[in-house]
Amino acid sequence: MYKGLIIVTGLAGGLATGTAVASFITLLDIVPRLSQLTNSYQYISFYEKIITMGVVVTTILSFLGLNINISKLVIVPIGLLSGVFIGLIAAALAEVVNVLPILKRRLKLSVYLKYTIIAIALGKTFGSLFYWIFMK
């Protein structure tokens, strides 16, 4: 019973996180903006496949606990590219921060928006605490 609850909770959390990241990247138009900035529209499909492959490979490595011994000469460019990607997401997020006020106005969620934000914050807090206290 206890293991089943952990499995269901883990799958639900993974699905929620995965769909949130995918919709976040889609909402922010990361791939089209990158292709626009680099003038490489013909590679949009390639960019999408590379992002998907990166997520799948790192997820598999995380689940299997595999370590890859790579020299520092290879790790530095990987870290740099990861930092650039995180920076792009942060910059795009700054442009889209006004999503909650728009939802409030268009869907008339003025009463419920407060509870939605509190639920998201509490869920993240308790999930992080559970992970760091019991899983580490």
Protein backbone atom coordinates (compact mmCIF):
# COMPACT_ATOMS: atom_id res chain seq x y z
CA MET A 1 0.00 0.00 0.00
CA TYR A 2 2.74 2.44 1.03
CA LYS A 3 4.86 1.64 -2.05
CA GLY A 4 1.85 2.06 -4.32
CA LEU A 5 1.19 5.50 -2.88
CA ILE A 6 4.82 6.48 -3.45
CA ILE A 7 4.66 5.23 -7.04
CA VAL A 8 1.44 7.11 -7.79
CA THR A 9 2.73 10.28 -6.11
CA GLY A 10 6.03 10.05 -8.00
CA LEU A 11 4.34 9.52 -11.34
CA ALA A 12 1.90 12.37 -10.71
CA GLY A 13 4.72 14.69 -9.73
CA GLY A 14 6.79 13.67 -12.73
CA LEU A 15 3.90 14.16 -15.12
CA ALA A 16 3.07 17.54 -13.62
CA THR A 17 6.68 18.68 -13.80
CA GLY A 18 7.21 17.37 -17.31
CA THR A 19 4.09 18.97 -18.72
CA ALA A 20 4.85 22.21 -16.91
CA VAL A 21 8.35 22.38 -18.38
CA ALA A 22 7.10 21.50 -21.87
CA SER A 23 4.33 24.09 -21.73
CA PHE A 24 6.72 26.62 -20.23
CA ILE A 25 9.18 26.20 -23.10
CA THR A 26 6.30 26.31 -25.58
CA LEU A 27 4.72 29.37 -23.96
CA LEU A 28 8.00 31.25 -23.97
CA ASP A 29 8.66 30.35 -27.63
CA ILE A 30 12.25 29.43 -26.84
CA VAL A 31 12.92 27.51 -30.05
CA PRO A 32 11.35 30.01 -32.49
CA ARG A 33 13.10 32.92 -30.74
CA LEU A 34 16.46 31.18 -30.91
CA SER A 35 15.97 30.42 -34.59
CA GLN A 36 14.93 34.02 -35.18
CA LEU A 37 17.98 35.42 -33.40
CA THR A 38 20.38 33.07 -35.17
CA ASN A 39 18.57 33.29 -38.52
CA SER A 40 18.30 29.50 -38.70
CA TYR A 41 14.61 28.81 -39.26
CA GLN A 42 15.41 25.66 -41.23
CA TYR A 43 16.76 24.01 -38.04
CA ILE A 44 13.69 24.43 -35.80
CA SER A 45 12.85 20.73 -36.04
CA PHE A 46 16.46 19.87 -35.17
CA TYR A 47 16.41 22.18 -32.13
CA GLU A 48 13.21 20.58 -30.84
CA LYS A 49 14.64 17.08 -31.26
CA ILE A 50 17.86 18.03 -29.48
CA ILE A 51 16.00 19.53 -26.51
CA THR A 52 13.78 16.44 -26.25
CA MET A 53 16.75 14.09 -26.56
CA GLY A 54 18.62 16.01 -23.87
CA VAL A 55 15.70 15.71 -21.46
CA VAL A 56 15.27 11.99 -22.14
CA VAL A 57 19.00 11.18 -21.82
CA THR A 58 19.45 13.14 -18.59
CA THR A 59 16.32 11.55 -17.13
CA ILE A 60 17.60 8.06 -17.95
CA LEU A 61 21.02 8.88 -16.48
CA SER A 62 19.35 10.22 -13.36
CA PHE A 63 17.16 7.13 -12.89
CA LEU A 64 19.96 4.67 -13.54
CA GLY A 65 22.46 6.54 -11.40
CA LEU A 66 25.06 6.37 -14.14
CA ASN A 67 28.03 8.65 -14.05
CA ILE A 68 29.91 9.72 -17.13
CA ASN A 69 33.59 10.43 -16.65
CA ILE A 70 34.29 13.39 -18.88
CA SER A 71 37.35 15.57 -18.95
CA LYS A 72 37.18 19.16 -17.74
CA LEU A 73 37.65 20.35 -21.31
CA VAL A 74 34.25 18.86 -22.20
CA ILE A 75 32.44 19.77 -18.97
CA VAL A 76 33.17 23.49 -19.27
CA PRO A 77 31.38 23.96 -22.65
CA ILE A 78 28.47 21.82 -21.43
CA GLY A 79 28.16 23.99 -18.31
CA LEU A 80 28.40 27.14 -20.41
CA LEU A 81 25.67 25.98 -22.78
CA SER A 82 23.47 24.95 -19.85
CA GLY A 83 23.95 28.37 -18.29
CA VAL A 84 23.05 30.09 -21.55
CA PHE A 85 19.88 27.99 -21.80
CA ILE A 86 18.87 28.81 -18.21
CA GLY A 87 19.58 32.48 -18.91
CA LEU A 88 17.37 32.38 -22.00
CA ILE A 89 14.55 30.82 -20.02
CA ALA A 90 14.94 33.43 -17.26
CA ALA A 91 14.92 36.29 -19.77
CA ALA A 92 11.86 34.89 -21.53
CA LEU A 93 10.14 34.41 -18.19
CA ALA A 94 10.67 38.08 -17.41
CA GLU A 95 8.66 38.89 -20.54
CA VAL A 96 5.82 36.53 -19.63
CA VAL A 97 5.52 37.38 -15.93
CA ASN A 98 2.25 39.16 -16.59
CA VAL A 99 0.47 35.84 -17.25
CA LEU A 100 -1.23 35.71 -13.83
CA PRO A 101 -2.81 39.18 -14.07
CA ILE A 102 -4.10 38.33 -17.55
CA LEU A 103 -5.61 35.06 -16.27
CA LYS A 104 -7.18 36.94 -13.40
CA ARG A 105 -8.76 39.50 -15.69
CA ARG A 106 -9.88 37.22 -18.54
CA LEU A 107 -11.07 34.23 -16.53
CA LYS A 108 -12.41 36.38 -13.68
CA LEU A 109 -10.42 34.45 -11.10
CA SER A 110 -9.91 37.35 -8.71
CA VAL A 111 -11.12 35.34 -5.71
CA TYR A 112 -9.57 31.98 -6.65
CA LEU A 113 -6.23 33.25 -7.99
CA LYS A 114 -5.01 33.91 -4.46
CA TYR A 115 -5.75 30.31 -3.48
CA THR A 116 -4.13 28.97 -6.64
CA ILE A 117 -0.88 30.82 -5.93
CA ILE A 118 -0.91 29.71 -2.29
CA ALA A 119 -1.51 26.09 -3.34
CA ILE A 120 1.40 26.22 -5.81
CA ALA A 121 3.72 27.75 -3.21
CA LEU A 122 2.73 25.28 -0.48
CA GLY A 123 3.03 22.34 -2.86
CA LYS A 124 6.53 23.37 -3.89
CA THR A 125 7.53 23.99 -0.27
CA PHE A 126 6.22 20.71 1.13
CA GLY A 127 7.52 18.75 -1.86
CA SER A 128 11.00 20.21 -1.42
CA LEU A 129 10.96 19.63 2.32
CA PHE A 130 9.82 16.04 1.86
CA TYR A 131 12.58 15.43 -0.66
CA TRP A 132 15.37 16.99 1.40
CA ILE A 133 14.27 15.48 4.72
CA PHE A 134 13.26 11.95 3.72
CA MET A 135 14.88 11.20 0.37
CA LYS A 136 18.43 12.42 0.91
